Amino acid sequence: MQTLNTPKTIESGDAPEITRILARAFGDDPMMLWLFPGEDGREGRLAQWFDVLLTHKYGPLGHCERTDEAAAFWTPPGTAEQHPDEETLARINGLLGEHVARLGEMLELVGEATPREPHWYLAVLGADPAAQGSGHGAALLRSGLAKADAAGLPAHLESSKQSNIGFYERFGFTVRDEIHVPGGGPTLWSMWREARGDVRQ
């Protein structure tokens, strides 16, 4: 019998629920607070942001899974980079407004620090704050790492919250680099995990 935190593939009709979950999950995230500094309507704008990520990028190109209270977006190696179309760029510009340059600066720094070895990349992992500690994020992380391990490949992520580093370390990740975003931006911790045969934690 499927439990509430059993990972399953995200379907197209799941987007509204998933984006609301992620908006709540990242409501206090330093990177999101920097990109979306205004309090007014931030949760709604975050939901739209994650809708852009899911429907334009990671849904078509990646491996996206969910539980009832969390979601994870992965990309396997060899995933072709897709440039946003005009409609998507307009949505991004509308969401970020005058802060859109911050996104470009952050993405450039992250790109420079991205490991060149083939790997699985965890782009997004978030659980509704009301369900954190219930195993939803761990279940999704195990599921993605099992796929990376089955392919004999390492995994990579950037943590934008220092308090999450210990969680990822439990699954074999180690901090490889720190990315300091200038102009009052946050610090990102680049984390790496070698492939292994057992992901039971």
Protein backbone atom coordinates (compact mmCIF):
# COMPACT_ATOMS: atom_id res chain seq x y z
CA MET A 1 0.00 0.00 0.00
CA GLN A 2 1.32 3.44 -0.91
CA THR A 3 2.08 5.71 2.05
CA LEU A 4 1.79 9.50 2.09
CA ASN A 5 5.54 9.94 1.60
CA THR A 6 6.03 7.39 -1.17
CA PRO A 7 7.63 9.19 -4.16
CA LYS A 8 5.68 9.26 -7.39
CA THR A 9 6.20 11.05 -10.70
CA ILE A 10 4.77 14.54 -10.92
CA GLU A 11 1.95 14.72 -13.47
CA SER A 12 0.98 17.86 -15.40
CA GLY A 13 -2.17 18.31 -13.35
CA ASP A 14 -0.14 18.36 -10.13
CA ALA A 15 1.47 21.73 -10.88
CA PRO A 16 -0.86 24.00 -8.85
CA GLU A 17 -0.52 21.88 -5.70
CA ILE A 18 3.23 21.32 -6.12
CA THR A 19 3.98 24.99 -6.69
CA ARG A 20 2.01 25.96 -3.57
CA ILE A 21 3.93 23.38 -1.50
CA LEU A 22 7.26 24.68 -2.78
CA ALA A 23 6.25 28.31 -2.21
CA ARG A 24 5.61 27.48 1.45
CA ALA A 25 8.77 25.36 1.67
CA PHE A 26 10.99 28.18 0.38
CA GLY A 27 9.20 31.02 2.17
CA ASP A 28 12.20 31.67 4.45
CA ASP A 29 14.93 30.58 2.03
CA PRO A 30 17.76 33.17 1.79
CA MET A 31 18.01 32.88 -1.99
CA MET A 32 14.27 33.34 -2.47
CA LEU A 33 14.19 36.25 -0.02
CA TRP A 34 16.98 37.89 -2.05
CA LEU A 35 15.28 37.33 -5.41
CA PHE A 36 11.83 38.25 -4.07
CA PRO A 37 12.54 40.81 -1.33
CA GLY A 38 9.07 42.36 -1.09
CA GLU A 39 6.78 40.83 1.55
CA ASP A 40 3.60 41.72 -0.33
CA GLY A 41 2.32 38.70 -2.25
CA ARG A 42 5.63 36.84 -2.02
CA GLU A 43 4.08 33.40 -1.57
CA GLY A 44 2.02 33.85 -4.73
CA ARG A 45 5.04 35.03 -6.68
CA LEU A 46 7.08 32.09 -5.39
CA ALA A 47 4.35 29.70 -6.52
CA GLN A 48 4.51 31.27 -9.99
CA TRP A 49 8.31 31.01 -9.94
CA PHE A 50 8.18 27.29 -9.21
CA ASP A 51 5.53 26.88 -11.88
CA VAL A 52 8.00 28.37 -14.40
CA LEU A 53 10.70 25.95 -13.22
CA LEU A 54 8.39 22.94 -13.33
CA THR A 55 6.54 23.60 -16.57
CA HIS A 56 9.38 25.09 -18.63
CA LYS A 57 12.54 23.44 -17.41
CA TYR A 58 12.51 20.51 -15.04
CA GLY A 59 9.18 18.99 -16.03
CA PRO A 60 10.14 18.56 -19.71
CA LEU A 61 13.86 17.99 -19.19
CA GLY A 62 14.34 16.47 -15.78
CA HIS A 63 13.07 13.86 -13.38
CA CYS A 64 10.42 15.33 -11.07
CA GLU A 65 8.87 13.45 -8.16
CA ARG A 66 6.51 14.29 -5.33
CA THR A 67 4.97 12.98 -2.16
CA ASP A 68 1.76 14.34 -0.67
CA GLU A 69 3.71 17.15 1.04
CA ALA A 70 7.01 17.62 -0.87
CA ALA A 71 8.60 17.74 -4.31
CA ALA A 72 12.01 17.25 -5.90
CA PHE A 73 13.32 18.28 -9.33
CA TRP A 74 16.39 16.40 -10.64
CA THR A 75 18.26 16.48 -13.93
CA PRO A 76 20.36 13.54 -15.10
CA PRO A 77 23.60 14.11 -17.01
CA GLY A 78 23.34 14.94 -20.69
CA THR A 79 20.16 16.97 -20.23
CA ALA A 80 20.11 19.59 -22.95
CA GLU A 81 19.94 23.17 -21.75
CA GLN A 82 16.86 24.89 -23.10
CA HIS A 83 16.78 28.67 -23.44
CA PRO A 84 13.55 30.26 -22.24
CA ASP A 85 11.12 31.32 -24.94
CA GLU A 86 9.74 34.89 -25.07
CA GLU A 87 6.64 34.01 -23.04
CA THR A 88 8.72 32.41 -20.28
CA LEU A 89 11.17 35.33 -20.21
CA ALA A 90 8.22 37.70 -19.91
CA ARG A 91 6.92 35.71 -16.92
CA ILE A 92 10.34 35.76 -15.25
CA ASN A 93 10.74 39.49 -15.85
CA GLY A 94 7.26 40.12 -14.52
CA LEU A 95 7.93 38.12 -11.36
CA LEU A 96 11.38 39.55 -10.58
CA GLY A 97 10.93 43.06 -11.90
CA GLU A 98 13.91 45.25 -11.12
CA HIS A 99 15.64 42.31 -9.43
CA VAL A 100 15.87 40.18 -12.58
CA ALA A 101 19.59 41.04 -12.91
CA ARG A 102 20.15 39.27 -9.59
CA LEU A 103 18.98 36.01 -11.14
CA GLY A 104 21.45 36.32 -14.03
CA GLU A 105 24.31 37.09 -11.67
CA MET A 106 23.48 34.15 -9.42
CA LEU A 107 23.12 31.73 -12.34
CA GLU A 108 26.47 32.81 -13.75
CA LEU A 109 28.23 32.15 -10.44
CA VAL A 110 26.50 28.80 -10.01
CA GLY A 111 27.41 27.82 -13.58
CA GLU A 112 31.07 28.61 -12.96
CA ALA A 113 31.06 26.41 -9.84
CA THR A 114 29.13 23.50 -11.36
CA PRO A 115 31.23 20.30 -11.44
CA ARG A 116 32.16 19.21 -14.96
CA GLU A 117 31.97 15.49 -14.23
CA PRO A 118 28.74 13.75 -15.33
CA HIS A 119 26.34 13.71 -12.38
CA TRP A 120 22.72 13.83 -11.27
CA TYR A 121 21.76 17.35 -10.17
CA LEU A 122 19.21 18.05 -7.46
CA ALA A 123 17.80 21.44 -8.47
CA VAL A 124 14.90 21.68 -6.01
CA LEU A 125 13.87 19.78 -2.89
CA GLY A 126 11.23 21.19 -0.57
CA ALA A 127 8.59 20.03 1.88
CA ASP A 128 5.66 21.94 3.29
CA PRO A 129 6.82 23.37 6.65
CA ALA A 130 3.85 21.73 8.36
CA ALA A 131 5.13 18.31 7.25
CA GLN A 132 8.87 18.80 7.73
CA GLY A 133 10.44 16.08 9.84
CA SER A 134 7.91 13.52 8.59
CA GLY A 135 10.27 11.89 6.09
CA HIS A 136 8.93 13.41 2.87
CA GLY A 137 12.17 15.11 1.83
CA ALA A 138 14.24 12.09 2.84
CA ALA A 139 12.03 9.77 0.77
CA LEU A 140 12.46 11.95 -2.32
CA LEU A 141 16.21 12.27 -1.76
CA ARG A 142 16.60 8.49 -1.41
CA SER A 143 14.59 7.95 -4.60
CA GLY A 144 16.76 10.27 -6.68
CA LEU A 145 20.00 8.99 -5.20
CA ALA A 146 18.95 5.41 -5.92
CA LYS A 147 18.63 6.33 -9.60
CA ALA A 148 22.03 8.06 -9.58
CA ASP A 149 23.62 5.08 -7.85
CA ALA A 150 21.99 2.64 -10.28
CA ALA A 151 23.69 4.58 -13.08
CA GLY A 152 26.99 4.61 -11.17
CA LEU A 153 26.95 8.42 -11.08
CA PRO A 154 27.61 11.01 -8.36
CA ALA A 155 25.09 13.66 -7.31
CA HIS A 156 25.38 17.41 -6.87
CA LEU A 157 23.29 20.17 -5.30
CA GLU A 158 23.53 23.71 -3.95
CA SER A 159 22.09 24.30 -0.51
CA SER A 160 20.93 27.86 0.07
CA LYS A 161 20.32 27.26 3.78
CA GLN A 162 23.23 26.43 6.05
CA SER A 163 20.85 24.62 8.39
CA ASN A 164 20.13 22.03 5.67
CA ILE A 165 23.77 20.98 5.25
CA GLY A 166 23.59 18.40 8.03
CA PHE A 167 20.52 16.80 6.44
CA TYR A 168 22.34 16.29 3.15
CA GLU A 169 25.48 15.07 4.93
CA ARG A 170 23.41 12.23 6.38
CA PHE A 171 23.00 10.97 2.82
CA GLY A 172 26.68 11.16 1.96
CA PHE A 173 26.97 14.68 0.57
CA THR A 174 29.95 16.84 1.50
CA VAL A 175 30.49 20.56 1.00
CA ARG A 176 32.74 21.06 -2.00
CA ASP A 177 32.64 24.84 -2.37
CA GLU A 178 31.00 28.02 -1.11
CA ILE A 179 29.44 30.44 -3.59
CA HIS A 180 29.15 33.98 -2.28
CA VAL A 181 26.66 36.04 -4.25
CA PRO A 182 27.76 39.71 -4.16
CA GLY A 183 25.58 42.74 -3.59
CA GLY A 184 24.15 41.47 -0.33
CA GLY A 185 23.26 38.11 -1.84
CA PRO A 186 23.25 34.81 0.03
CA THR A 187 25.87 32.09 0.31
CA LEU A 188 25.28 28.81 -1.50
CA TRP A 189 26.99 25.60 -0.42
CA SER A 190 27.93 23.38 -3.35
CA MET A 191 27.63 19.75 -2.20
CA TRP A 192 28.79 16.54 -3.83
CA ARG A 193 28.15 12.86 -3.24
CA GLU A 194 29.99 9.99 -4.90
CA ALA A 195 27.98 7.07 -6.23
CA ARG A 196 27.57 4.18 -3.85
CA GLY A 197 25.64 1.00 -3.48
CA ASP A 198 23.48 1.63 -0.41
CA VAL A 199 21.36 4.73 0.24
CA ARG A 200 19.45 3.46 3.26
CA GLN A 201 19.71 6.07 6.05
